[in-house]
Amino acid sequence: YKGVPAGSVEVIIAEDAAEIDGLVVDENFQKKGIGSRLQKFVMEKFLDKTIILVADGEDTPREMYRKQNYEYLGFKYHAHKVYED
C-alpha cells in the first residue's frame, strides 16, 4: 500500500481451480481495499480457473466477499485430534 507491504495471499493451484488461502491484511491497513485487490489479482491471473475462497467462521469479513460476488456453497466443520504423551 503506497510502497509498504500491507498484505499477502497464498494460492493453491489445481487443474480446474485456484484456491485463495491465507489472505491476510495488516491491521494498520485494513478497510483500504487491499484484501479486494489481492483477490482481484488472483482472479485476473487465473482467468481459466474457478476461484475458490475457503473462509473461516466468525472472523471472516463476509460483507467484502458479498460485494465481490462470491457464492456461498456450504459449511464444513473440521476437528483435530491431539495426542498427548
N, C-alpha and C. Protein backbone atom coordinates (compact mmCIF):
# COMPACT_ATOMS: atom_id res chain seq x y z
N TYR A 1 0.86 -1.17 0.00
CA TYR A 1 0.00 0.00 0.00
C TYR A 1 0.89 1.22 0.00
N LYS A 2 0.88 1.95 -1.09
CA LYS A 2 1.73 3.13 -1.24
C LYS A 2 3.19 2.80 -0.94
N GLY A 3 3.65 1.65 -1.46
CA GLY A 3 5.04 1.26 -1.29
C GLY A 3 5.35 0.47 -0.04
N VAL A 4 4.36 0.22 0.80
CA VAL A 4 4.58 -0.52 2.05
C VAL A 4 3.85 -1.86 1.96
N PRO A 5 4.55 -2.98 2.24
CA PRO A 5 3.85 -4.28 2.26
C PRO A 5 2.72 -4.25 3.28
N ALA A 6 1.52 -4.58 2.84
CA ALA A 6 0.36 -4.46 3.71
C ALA A 6 -0.45 -5.74 3.81
N GLY A 7 -0.17 -6.72 2.96
CA GLY A 7 -0.95 -7.94 2.99
C GLY A 7 -0.30 -9.02 2.16
N SER A 8 -0.88 -10.21 2.26
CA SER A 8 -0.38 -11.34 1.47
C SER A 8 -1.51 -12.33 1.23
N VAL A 9 -1.28 -13.20 0.25
CA VAL A 9 -2.26 -14.23 -0.07
C VAL A 9 -1.51 -15.45 -0.59
N GLU A 10 -1.98 -16.62 -0.20
CA GLU A 10 -1.46 -17.88 -0.73
C GLU A 10 -2.49 -18.39 -1.72
N VAL A 11 -2.02 -19.00 -2.81
CA VAL A 11 -2.91 -19.54 -3.82
C VAL A 11 -2.54 -20.99 -4.06
N ILE A 12 -3.52 -21.87 -3.89
CA ILE A 12 -3.33 -23.29 -4.14
C ILE A 12 -3.91 -23.56 -5.53
N ILE A 13 -3.05 -24.00 -6.44
CA ILE A 13 -3.45 -24.15 -7.83
C ILE A 13 -3.70 -25.62 -8.15
N ALA A 14 -4.88 -25.90 -8.67
CA ALA A 14 -5.26 -27.23 -9.12
C ALA A 14 -5.56 -27.14 -10.62
N GLU A 15 -5.92 -28.28 -11.20
CA GLU A 15 -6.16 -28.32 -12.64
C GLU A 15 -7.26 -27.34 -13.08
N ASP A 16 -8.39 -27.36 -12.36
CA ASP A 16 -9.53 -26.54 -12.75
C ASP A 16 -9.82 -25.37 -11.82
N ALA A 17 -9.05 -25.24 -10.74
CA ALA A 17 -9.38 -24.23 -9.74
C ALA A 17 -8.12 -23.61 -9.14
N ALA A 18 -8.30 -22.42 -8.60
CA ALA A 18 -7.27 -21.75 -7.81
C ALA A 18 -7.95 -21.36 -6.50
N GLU A 19 -7.39 -21.84 -5.40
CA GLU A 19 -7.99 -21.58 -4.09
C GLU A 19 -7.23 -20.48 -3.37
N ILE A 20 -7.95 -19.44 -3.00
CA ILE A 20 -7.37 -18.36 -2.21
C ILE A 20 -7.33 -18.84 -0.77
N ASP A 21 -6.14 -18.80 -0.19
CA ASP A 21 -5.96 -19.28 1.18
C ASP A 21 -5.00 -18.32 1.89
N GLY A 22 -5.13 -18.22 3.17
CA GLY A 22 -4.19 -17.40 3.93
C GLY A 22 -4.19 -15.94 3.54
N LEU A 23 -5.34 -15.39 3.22
CA LEU A 23 -5.44 -13.97 2.87
C LEU A 23 -5.31 -13.14 4.15
N VAL A 24 -4.29 -12.29 4.19
CA VAL A 24 -4.03 -11.50 5.40
C VAL A 24 -3.76 -10.06 5.01
N VAL A 25 -4.38 -9.14 5.74
CA VAL A 25 -4.09 -7.71 5.59
C VAL A 25 -3.71 -7.19 6.97
N ASP A 26 -2.58 -6.53 7.04
CA ASP A 26 -2.10 -5.95 8.30
C ASP A 26 -3.19 -5.07 8.90
N GLU A 27 -3.35 -5.16 10.22
CA GLU A 27 -4.41 -4.38 10.91
C GLU A 27 -4.34 -2.89 10.59
N ASN A 28 -3.14 -2.36 10.45
CA ASN A 28 -2.98 -0.93 10.19
C ASN A 28 -3.43 -0.51 8.80
N PHE A 29 -3.68 -1.49 7.93
CA PHE A 29 -4.04 -1.17 6.55
C PHE A 29 -5.41 -1.70 6.15
N GLN A 30 -6.16 -2.20 7.10
CA GLN A 30 -7.47 -2.76 6.77
C GLN A 30 -8.46 -1.66 6.39
N LYS A 31 -9.47 -2.07 5.63
CA LYS A 31 -10.53 -1.18 5.14
C LYS A 31 -10.02 -0.13 4.16
N LYS A 32 -9.01 -0.54 3.38
CA LYS A 32 -8.47 0.32 2.34
C LYS A 32 -8.54 -0.36 0.97
N GLY A 33 -9.25 -1.49 0.91
CA GLY A 33 -9.41 -2.19 -0.36
C GLY A 33 -8.28 -3.14 -0.70
N ILE A 34 -7.37 -3.37 0.23
CA ILE A 34 -6.21 -4.21 -0.06
C ILE A 34 -6.62 -5.67 -0.23
N GLY A 35 -7.48 -6.18 0.64
CA GLY A 35 -7.96 -7.55 0.50
C GLY A 35 -8.66 -7.77 -0.82
N SER A 36 -9.45 -6.82 -1.21
CA SER A 36 -10.14 -6.89 -2.51
C SER A 36 -9.15 -6.90 -3.67
N ARG A 37 -8.12 -6.08 -3.57
CA ARG A 37 -7.12 -6.02 -4.64
C ARG A 37 -6.34 -7.33 -4.74
N LEU A 38 -6.02 -7.92 -3.60
CA LEU A 38 -5.31 -9.21 -3.62
C LEU A 38 -6.17 -10.27 -4.31
N GLN A 39 -7.45 -10.30 -3.97
CA GLN A 39 -8.35 -11.28 -4.59
C GLN A 39 -8.51 -11.00 -6.09
N LYS A 40 -8.63 -9.75 -6.45
CA LYS A 40 -8.78 -9.40 -7.86
C LYS A 40 -7.55 -9.83 -8.65
N PHE A 41 -6.37 -9.67 -8.06
CA PHE A 41 -5.14 -10.11 -8.72
C PHE A 41 -5.21 -11.60 -9.04
N VAL A 42 -5.65 -12.40 -8.06
CA VAL A 42 -5.76 -13.85 -8.27
C VAL A 42 -6.77 -14.14 -9.38
N MET A 43 -7.91 -13.47 -9.33
CA MET A 43 -8.95 -13.69 -10.34
C MET A 43 -8.46 -13.35 -11.75
N GLU A 44 -7.68 -12.29 -11.87
CA GLU A 44 -7.17 -11.88 -13.18
C GLU A 44 -6.03 -12.78 -13.65
N LYS A 45 -5.26 -13.29 -12.73
CA LYS A 45 -4.12 -14.16 -13.06
C LYS A 45 -4.58 -15.54 -13.53
N PHE A 46 -5.70 -16.03 -12.98
CA PHE A 46 -6.18 -17.37 -13.28
C PHE A 46 -7.57 -17.32 -13.92
N LEU A 47 -7.68 -16.63 -15.03
CA LEU A 47 -8.97 -16.45 -15.71
C LEU A 47 -9.59 -17.77 -16.16
N ASP A 48 -8.76 -18.79 -16.40
CA ASP A 48 -9.25 -20.07 -16.89
C ASP A 48 -9.67 -21.03 -15.79
N LYS A 49 -9.61 -20.58 -14.53
CA LYS A 49 -9.91 -21.46 -13.40
C LYS A 49 -11.07 -20.92 -12.56
N THR A 50 -11.74 -21.83 -11.87
CA THR A 50 -12.72 -21.42 -10.87
C THR A 50 -11.96 -20.95 -9.64
N ILE A 51 -12.32 -19.80 -9.12
CA ILE A 51 -11.65 -19.27 -7.93
C ILE A 51 -12.45 -19.70 -6.71
N ILE A 52 -11.75 -20.33 -5.78
CA ILE A 52 -12.38 -20.82 -4.55
C ILE A 52 -11.81 -20.05 -3.38
N LEU A 53 -12.69 -19.64 -2.49
CA LEU A 53 -12.27 -18.96 -1.27
C LEU A 53 -12.87 -19.72 -0.10
N VAL A 54 -12.03 -20.32 0.72
CA VAL A 54 -12.50 -21.00 1.92
C VAL A 54 -12.31 -20.02 3.06
N ALA A 55 -13.41 -19.58 3.64
CA ALA A 55 -13.37 -18.56 4.67
C ALA A 55 -13.59 -19.16 6.05
N ASP A 56 -12.89 -18.63 7.04
CA ASP A 56 -13.09 -19.04 8.42
C ASP A 56 -14.42 -18.52 8.93
N GLY A 57 -14.89 -19.11 10.01
CA GLY A 57 -16.19 -18.80 10.58
C GLY A 57 -16.44 -17.34 10.92
N GLU A 58 -16.26 -16.99 12.15
CA GLU A 58 -16.69 -15.68 12.65
C GLU A 58 -15.73 -14.56 12.31
N ASP A 59 -14.47 -14.87 12.01
CA ASP A 59 -13.52 -13.79 11.75
C ASP A 59 -13.44 -13.41 10.28
N THR A 60 -14.39 -13.86 9.51
CA THR A 60 -14.38 -13.60 8.08
C THR A 60 -15.14 -12.32 7.75
N PRO A 61 -14.55 -11.44 6.94
CA PRO A 61 -15.27 -10.22 6.53
C PRO A 61 -16.30 -10.54 5.45
N ARG A 62 -17.45 -11.04 5.85
CA ARG A 62 -18.48 -11.52 4.92
C ARG A 62 -18.94 -10.47 3.93
N GLU A 63 -19.08 -9.25 4.39
CA GLU A 63 -19.58 -8.19 3.50
C GLU A 63 -18.63 -7.97 2.33
N MET A 64 -17.33 -8.05 2.58
CA MET A 64 -16.37 -7.90 1.49
C MET A 64 -16.59 -8.99 0.45
N TYR A 65 -16.80 -10.22 0.90
CA TYR A 65 -17.00 -11.33 -0.03
C TYR A 65 -18.31 -11.18 -0.80
N ARG A 66 -19.34 -10.70 -0.15
CA ARG A 66 -20.62 -10.48 -0.83
C ARG A 66 -20.47 -9.43 -1.93
N LYS A 67 -19.75 -8.37 -1.63
CA LYS A 67 -19.54 -7.30 -2.62
C LYS A 67 -18.79 -7.81 -3.84
N GLN A 68 -17.97 -8.84 -3.64
CA GLN A 68 -17.18 -9.38 -4.74
C GLN A 68 -17.88 -10.53 -5.45
N ASN A 69 -19.15 -10.73 -5.12
CA ASN A 69 -20.00 -11.73 -5.78
C ASN A 69 -19.58 -13.18 -5.56
N TYR A 70 -18.98 -13.47 -4.41
CA TYR A 70 -18.73 -14.87 -4.09
C TYR A 70 -20.06 -15.55 -3.83
N GLU A 71 -20.15 -16.81 -4.13
CA GLU A 71 -21.36 -17.59 -3.93
C GLU A 71 -21.14 -18.56 -2.77
N TYR A 72 -22.01 -18.50 -1.77
CA TYR A 72 -21.92 -19.39 -0.62
C TYR A 72 -22.34 -20.79 -1.04
N LEU A 73 -21.45 -21.76 -0.84
CA LEU A 73 -21.75 -23.12 -1.27
C LEU A 73 -21.97 -24.10 -0.12
N GLY A 74 -21.55 -23.76 1.06
CA GLY A 74 -21.79 -24.69 2.16
C GLY A 74 -20.93 -24.38 3.37
N PHE A 75 -21.17 -25.17 4.40
CA PHE A 75 -20.49 -25.01 5.67
C PHE A 75 -19.84 -26.33 6.02
N LYS A 76 -18.66 -26.28 6.59
CA LYS A 76 -17.93 -27.51 6.89
C LYS A 76 -17.24 -27.38 8.24
N TYR A 77 -17.33 -28.43 9.05
CA TYR A 77 -16.62 -28.48 10.32
C TYR A 77 -15.32 -29.23 10.16
N HIS A 78 -14.32 -28.87 10.93
CA HIS A 78 -13.07 -29.61 10.99
C HIS A 78 -12.77 -29.92 12.45
N ALA A 79 -12.25 -31.09 12.69
CA ALA A 79 -11.83 -31.46 14.03
C ALA A 79 -10.42 -32.02 13.96
N HIS A 80 -9.62 -31.72 14.94
CA HIS A 80 -8.26 -32.21 15.01
C HIS A 80 -8.08 -32.97 16.32
N LYS A 81 -7.59 -34.17 16.23
CA LYS A 81 -7.33 -34.96 17.43
C LYS A 81 -5.90 -34.70 17.88
N VAL A 82 -5.75 -34.38 19.15
CA VAL A 82 -4.44 -34.09 19.71
C VAL A 82 -4.05 -35.27 20.60
N TYR A 83 -2.89 -35.80 20.31
CA TYR A 83 -2.38 -36.92 21.10
C TYR A 83 -1.43 -36.39 22.16
N GLU A 84 -1.64 -36.84 23.38
CA GLU A 84 -0.76 -36.45 24.47
C GLU A 84 0.12 -37.63 24.85
N ASP A 85 1.38 -37.35 25.18
CA ASP A 85 2.29 -38.43 25.60
C ASP A 85 2.06 -38.83 27.03
